[in-house]
Amino acid sequence: MNKRAAIFDMDGVLIDSEPLWYEAAVEVFTPLGIPLTPESYASSIGLRTREFVAWWFKQYNIDPAKATETEKIINEVVIEKISRKGEAFPGVHGVLEMLRSLDMKIGLATSSPAKLISVVVDKLEIRDYFMAFSSAEHLVYGKPHPQVYLDCAEALKIAPTACICFEDSFYGMISAKAARMKCVVVPAFFMKDELRWNAADLKLNSLSEFSLPLLQSIT
């Protein structure tokens, strides 16, 4: 096995937070006249909050001067919701334990704000598994640009080609592949049959399905 590190996306992979991001966006967008639906929200999964806000503001001709404050409010609402009712996806602790038993380095690379990383890893009691955290919050480009994954590999002191990534979004998958990393995708149920996931090295219905033989099969 030539992969020596695993890097996880956060929202939608480790924690079931996408419904909470959607709730927050609806609460903040509705007074602005943006009728966000689950389907339209799904099209923007993987974007940073400011990119998400800018996209929908442009679609509905909302004054861009309000974007920064809207981004801040959405992030605050999400942090409160995750702190209160965020839950780990099935299989998270088992996968992390397996990877640690193999002496693989473990990192986290997310489009979400750095402040949310601490909230999530403490909420799920998984902080001790990780050796590095990277956020695309203040990078010039977020996912699908590979920089957030490259930054995490650098923090782990390991070559990008020695990493395997776990993602749930199309933008995230492209980001990982552009970084020359292997990518395991765990898409949301309603998107799992889309052909675009064929670009991944492995597709799972749940992290609970991941195993040592599957790891060996892609490394």
Protein backbone atom coordinates (compact mmCIF):
# COMPACT_ATOMS: atom_id res chain seq x y z
CA MET A 1 0.00 0.00 0.00
CA ASN A 2 1.64 3.25 -1.14
CA LYS A 3 -0.80 5.74 0.35
CA ARG A 4 0.45 7.09 3.66
CA ALA A 5 -2.10 9.80 4.45
CA ALA A 6 -5.86 10.30 4.39
CA ILE A 7 -7.48 13.71 4.08
CA PHE A 8 -11.16 14.22 4.82
CA ASP A 9 -13.56 16.86 3.67
CA MET A 10 -15.75 17.88 6.61
CA ASP A 11 -19.34 18.87 5.80
CA GLY A 12 -21.24 15.98 4.26
CA VAL A 13 -18.43 13.49 4.97
CA LEU A 14 -17.65 13.55 8.68
CA ILE A 15 -20.73 15.39 9.90
CA ASP A 16 -24.29 15.41 8.60
CA SER A 17 -24.29 19.19 8.31
CA GLU A 18 -25.52 19.91 4.79
CA PRO A 19 -29.18 19.95 5.97
CA LEU A 20 -28.12 22.46 8.63
CA TRP A 21 -26.32 24.63 6.06
CA TYR A 22 -29.52 24.52 3.99
CA GLU A 23 -31.65 25.50 6.99
CA ALA A 24 -29.34 28.42 7.72
CA ALA A 25 -29.32 29.59 4.11
CA VAL A 26 -33.12 29.47 3.90
CA GLU A 27 -33.48 31.44 7.14
CA VAL A 28 -31.12 34.15 5.92
CA PHE A 29 -32.10 34.20 2.24
CA THR A 30 -35.89 34.16 2.57
CA PRO A 31 -36.17 37.76 3.88
CA LEU A 32 -33.98 38.81 0.94
CA GLY A 33 -36.36 37.27 -1.58
CA ILE A 34 -34.21 34.29 -2.55
CA PRO A 35 -36.43 31.15 -2.70
CA LEU A 36 -33.79 28.48 -2.10
CA THR A 37 -34.97 24.89 -2.67
CA PRO A 38 -33.21 21.64 -1.71
CA GLU A 39 -32.49 21.02 -5.40
CA SER A 40 -31.03 24.45 -6.06
CA TYR A 41 -29.02 24.29 -2.85
CA ALA A 42 -27.51 20.96 -3.92
CA SER A 43 -26.09 22.59 -7.06
CA SER A 44 -23.82 24.76 -4.93
CA ILE A 45 -22.56 22.21 -2.38
CA GLY A 46 -18.79 22.49 -2.00
CA LEU A 47 -18.55 26.26 -2.49
CA ARG A 48 -17.26 28.54 0.21
CA THR A 49 -19.91 30.62 1.95
CA ARG A 50 -18.91 33.83 0.22
CA GLU A 51 -19.01 32.12 -3.20
CA PHE A 52 -22.38 30.59 -2.35
CA VAL A 53 -23.74 33.99 -1.32
CA ALA A 54 -22.28 35.75 -4.37
CA TRP A 55 -23.81 33.14 -6.70
CA TRP A 56 -27.33 33.53 -5.35
CA PHE A 57 -27.09 37.31 -5.01
CA LYS A 58 -26.21 37.47 -8.70
CA GLN A 59 -29.12 35.22 -9.67
CA TYR A 60 -31.63 37.43 -7.85
CA ASN A 61 -29.98 40.83 -8.34
CA ILE A 62 -29.38 41.42 -4.64
CA ASP A 63 -27.16 44.38 -3.72
CA PRO A 64 -23.62 42.90 -3.47
CA ALA A 65 -22.84 45.38 -0.71
CA LYS A 66 -24.91 43.12 1.57
CA ALA A 67 -22.89 40.00 0.74
CA THR A 68 -20.20 40.22 3.43
CA GLU A 69 -22.71 40.65 6.25
CA THR A 70 -24.90 37.88 4.83
CA GLU A 71 -21.92 35.52 4.70
CA LYS A 72 -21.12 36.31 8.33
CA ILE A 73 -24.69 35.69 9.46
CA ILE A 74 -24.97 32.37 7.63
CA ASN A 75 -21.71 31.16 9.18
CA GLU A 76 -22.88 32.18 12.65
CA VAL A 77 -26.23 30.42 12.23
CA VAL A 78 -24.54 27.25 10.96
CA ILE A 79 -22.09 27.17 13.85
CA GLU A 80 -24.97 27.47 16.32
CA LYS A 81 -26.96 24.73 14.61
CA ILE A 82 -24.02 22.31 14.38
CA SER A 83 -23.05 23.00 18.00
CA ARG A 84 -26.57 22.14 19.05
CA LYS A 85 -27.56 19.21 16.85
CA GLY A 86 -24.71 18.14 14.57
CA GLU A 87 -24.15 14.37 14.30
CA ALA A 88 -21.42 12.20 12.83
CA PHE A 89 -22.18 10.10 9.79
CA PRO A 90 -22.19 6.32 10.33
CA GLY A 91 -18.74 4.83 10.01
CA VAL A 92 -16.74 7.96 10.81
CA HIS A 93 -15.13 6.73 14.00
CA GLY A 94 -14.50 3.27 12.55
CA VAL A 95 -12.70 4.62 9.48
CA LEU A 96 -10.60 7.01 11.53
CA GLU A 97 -9.63 4.23 13.92
CA MET A 98 -8.71 1.90 11.05
CA LEU A 99 -6.52 4.52 9.38
CA ARG A 100 -4.79 5.35 12.65
CA SER A 101 -4.12 1.65 13.26
CA LEU A 102 -2.33 1.60 9.89
CA ASP A 103 -0.12 4.51 11.01
CA MET A 104 -1.53 6.72 8.28
CA LYS A 105 -1.41 10.45 8.77
CA ILE A 106 -4.88 12.02 8.88
CA GLY A 107 -5.83 15.53 7.85
CA LEU A 108 -8.94 17.62 7.19
CA ALA A 109 -9.42 19.99 4.22
CA THR A 110 -12.62 21.99 4.04
CA SER A 111 -14.21 24.94 2.28
CA SER A 112 -15.85 25.90 5.56
CA PRO A 113 -14.50 28.59 7.93
CA ALA A 114 -11.65 27.61 10.23
CA LYS A 115 -13.82 28.43 13.24
CA LEU A 116 -16.26 25.70 12.22
CA ILE A 117 -13.50 23.06 12.10
CA SER A 118 -12.98 23.32 15.84
CA VAL A 119 -16.72 23.17 16.49
CA VAL A 120 -17.10 19.99 14.42
CA VAL A 121 -14.09 18.00 15.63
CA ASP A 122 -14.93 18.77 19.25
CA LYS A 123 -18.63 18.05 18.77
CA LEU A 124 -17.80 14.64 17.25
CA GLU A 125 -14.90 14.02 19.69
CA ILE A 126 -12.47 13.26 16.85
CA ARG A 127 -9.84 15.99 17.24
CA ASP A 128 -7.13 13.57 18.39
CA TYR A 129 -7.24 11.64 15.11
CA PHE A 130 -6.08 14.62 13.04
CA MET A 131 -2.55 15.87 12.52
CA ALA A 132 -3.44 18.83 10.26
CA PHE A 133 -6.37 21.05 9.40
CA SER A 134 -6.74 23.33 6.37
CA SER A 135 -9.53 25.72 5.43
CA ALA A 136 -10.08 27.40 2.08
CA GLU A 137 -11.79 30.30 3.86
CA HIS A 138 -9.05 32.85 3.11
CA LEU A 139 -7.44 31.26 0.05
CA VAL A 140 -7.57 33.06 -3.28
CA TYR A 141 -9.44 30.08 -4.75
CA GLY A 142 -11.60 27.46 -3.04
CA LYS A 143 -12.60 24.05 -4.30
CA PRO A 144 -12.53 22.88 -7.12
CA HIS A 145 -9.07 24.48 -7.00
CA PRO A 146 -6.67 22.00 -5.33
CA GLN A 147 -4.93 24.48 -3.01
CA VAL A 148 -6.74 23.51 0.20
CA TYR A 149 -5.74 19.86 -0.33
CA LEU A 150 -2.17 20.79 -1.24
CA ASP A 151 -1.95 22.91 1.92
CA CYS A 152 -3.13 20.00 4.03
CA ALA A 153 -0.60 17.62 2.46
CA GLU A 154 2.14 20.16 3.11
CA ALA A 155 1.06 20.47 6.75
CA LEU A 156 1.18 16.67 7.02
CA LYS A 157 4.66 16.77 5.48
CA ILE A 158 3.71 14.26 2.81
CA ALA A 159 3.54 14.25 -0.99
CA PRO A 160 0.09 14.84 -2.52
CA THR A 161 0.45 11.62 -4.50
CA ALA A 162 0.70 9.70 -1.23
CA CYS A 163 -2.75 10.88 -0.11
CA ILE A 164 -6.25 9.47 -0.38
CA CYS A 165 -9.18 11.87 0.09
CA PHE A 166 -12.78 11.46 1.18
CA GLU A 167 -15.33 13.78 -0.42
CA ASP A 168 -19.06 14.20 -0.90
CA SER A 169 -19.25 17.01 -3.46
CA PHE A 170 -18.35 17.27 -7.13
CA TYR A 171 -16.26 20.39 -6.53
CA GLY A 172 -14.42 18.57 -3.75
CA MET A 173 -13.76 15.52 -5.91
CA ILE A 174 -12.29 17.69 -8.67
CA SER A 175 -10.17 19.52 -6.09
CA ALA A 176 -8.72 16.27 -4.77
CA LYS A 177 -8.06 14.85 -8.23
CA ALA A 178 -6.44 18.11 -9.35
CA ALA A 179 -4.10 17.75 -6.38
CA ARG A 180 -3.15 14.31 -7.81
CA MET A 181 -4.68 12.47 -4.89
CA LYS A 182 -6.89 9.41 -4.91
CA CYS A 183 -10.49 10.25 -4.11
CA VAL A 184 -13.24 8.26 -2.40
CA VAL A 185 -16.66 9.87 -2.82
CA VAL A 186 -19.64 9.41 -0.53
CA PRO A 187 -22.33 11.44 -2.33
CA ALA A 188 -25.67 12.36 -0.85
CA PHE A 189 -28.27 9.66 -1.48
CA PHE A 190 -30.27 11.69 -4.00
CA MET A 191 -27.13 12.29 -6.10
CA LYS A 192 -25.40 8.94 -5.80
CA ASP A 193 -26.38 7.62 -9.25
CA GLU A 194 -25.02 10.60 -11.19
CA LEU A 195 -22.45 9.61 -13.80
CA ARG A 196 -20.02 12.35 -12.82
CA TRP A 197 -18.93 10.29 -9.81
CA ASN A 198 -17.20 7.93 -12.26
CA ALA A 199 -14.24 10.30 -12.05
CA ALA A 200 -13.64 9.15 -8.47
CA ASP A 201 -11.43 6.20 -7.59
CA LEU A 202 -14.15 4.68 -5.41
CA LYS A 203 -17.78 5.49 -4.64
CA LEU A 204 -19.46 4.47 -1.38
CA ASN A 205 -22.99 4.74 -0.04
CA SER A 206 -21.58 5.25 3.45
CA LEU A 207 -18.21 5.41 5.21
CA SER A 208 -19.38 2.28 7.00
CA GLU A 209 -18.64 0.38 3.77
CA PHE A 210 -14.98 1.38 3.73
CA SER A 211 -12.56 -1.40 4.60
CA LEU A 212 -8.93 -2.40 4.40
CA PRO A 213 -9.48 -4.43 1.19
CA LEU A 214 -11.10 -1.40 -0.45
CA LEU A 215 -8.23 0.80 0.66
CA GLN A 216 -5.76 -1.66 -0.78
CA SER A 217 -7.74 -1.87 -4.04
CA ILE A 218 -7.18 1.80 -4.83
CA THR A 219 -3.68 2.21 -3.49
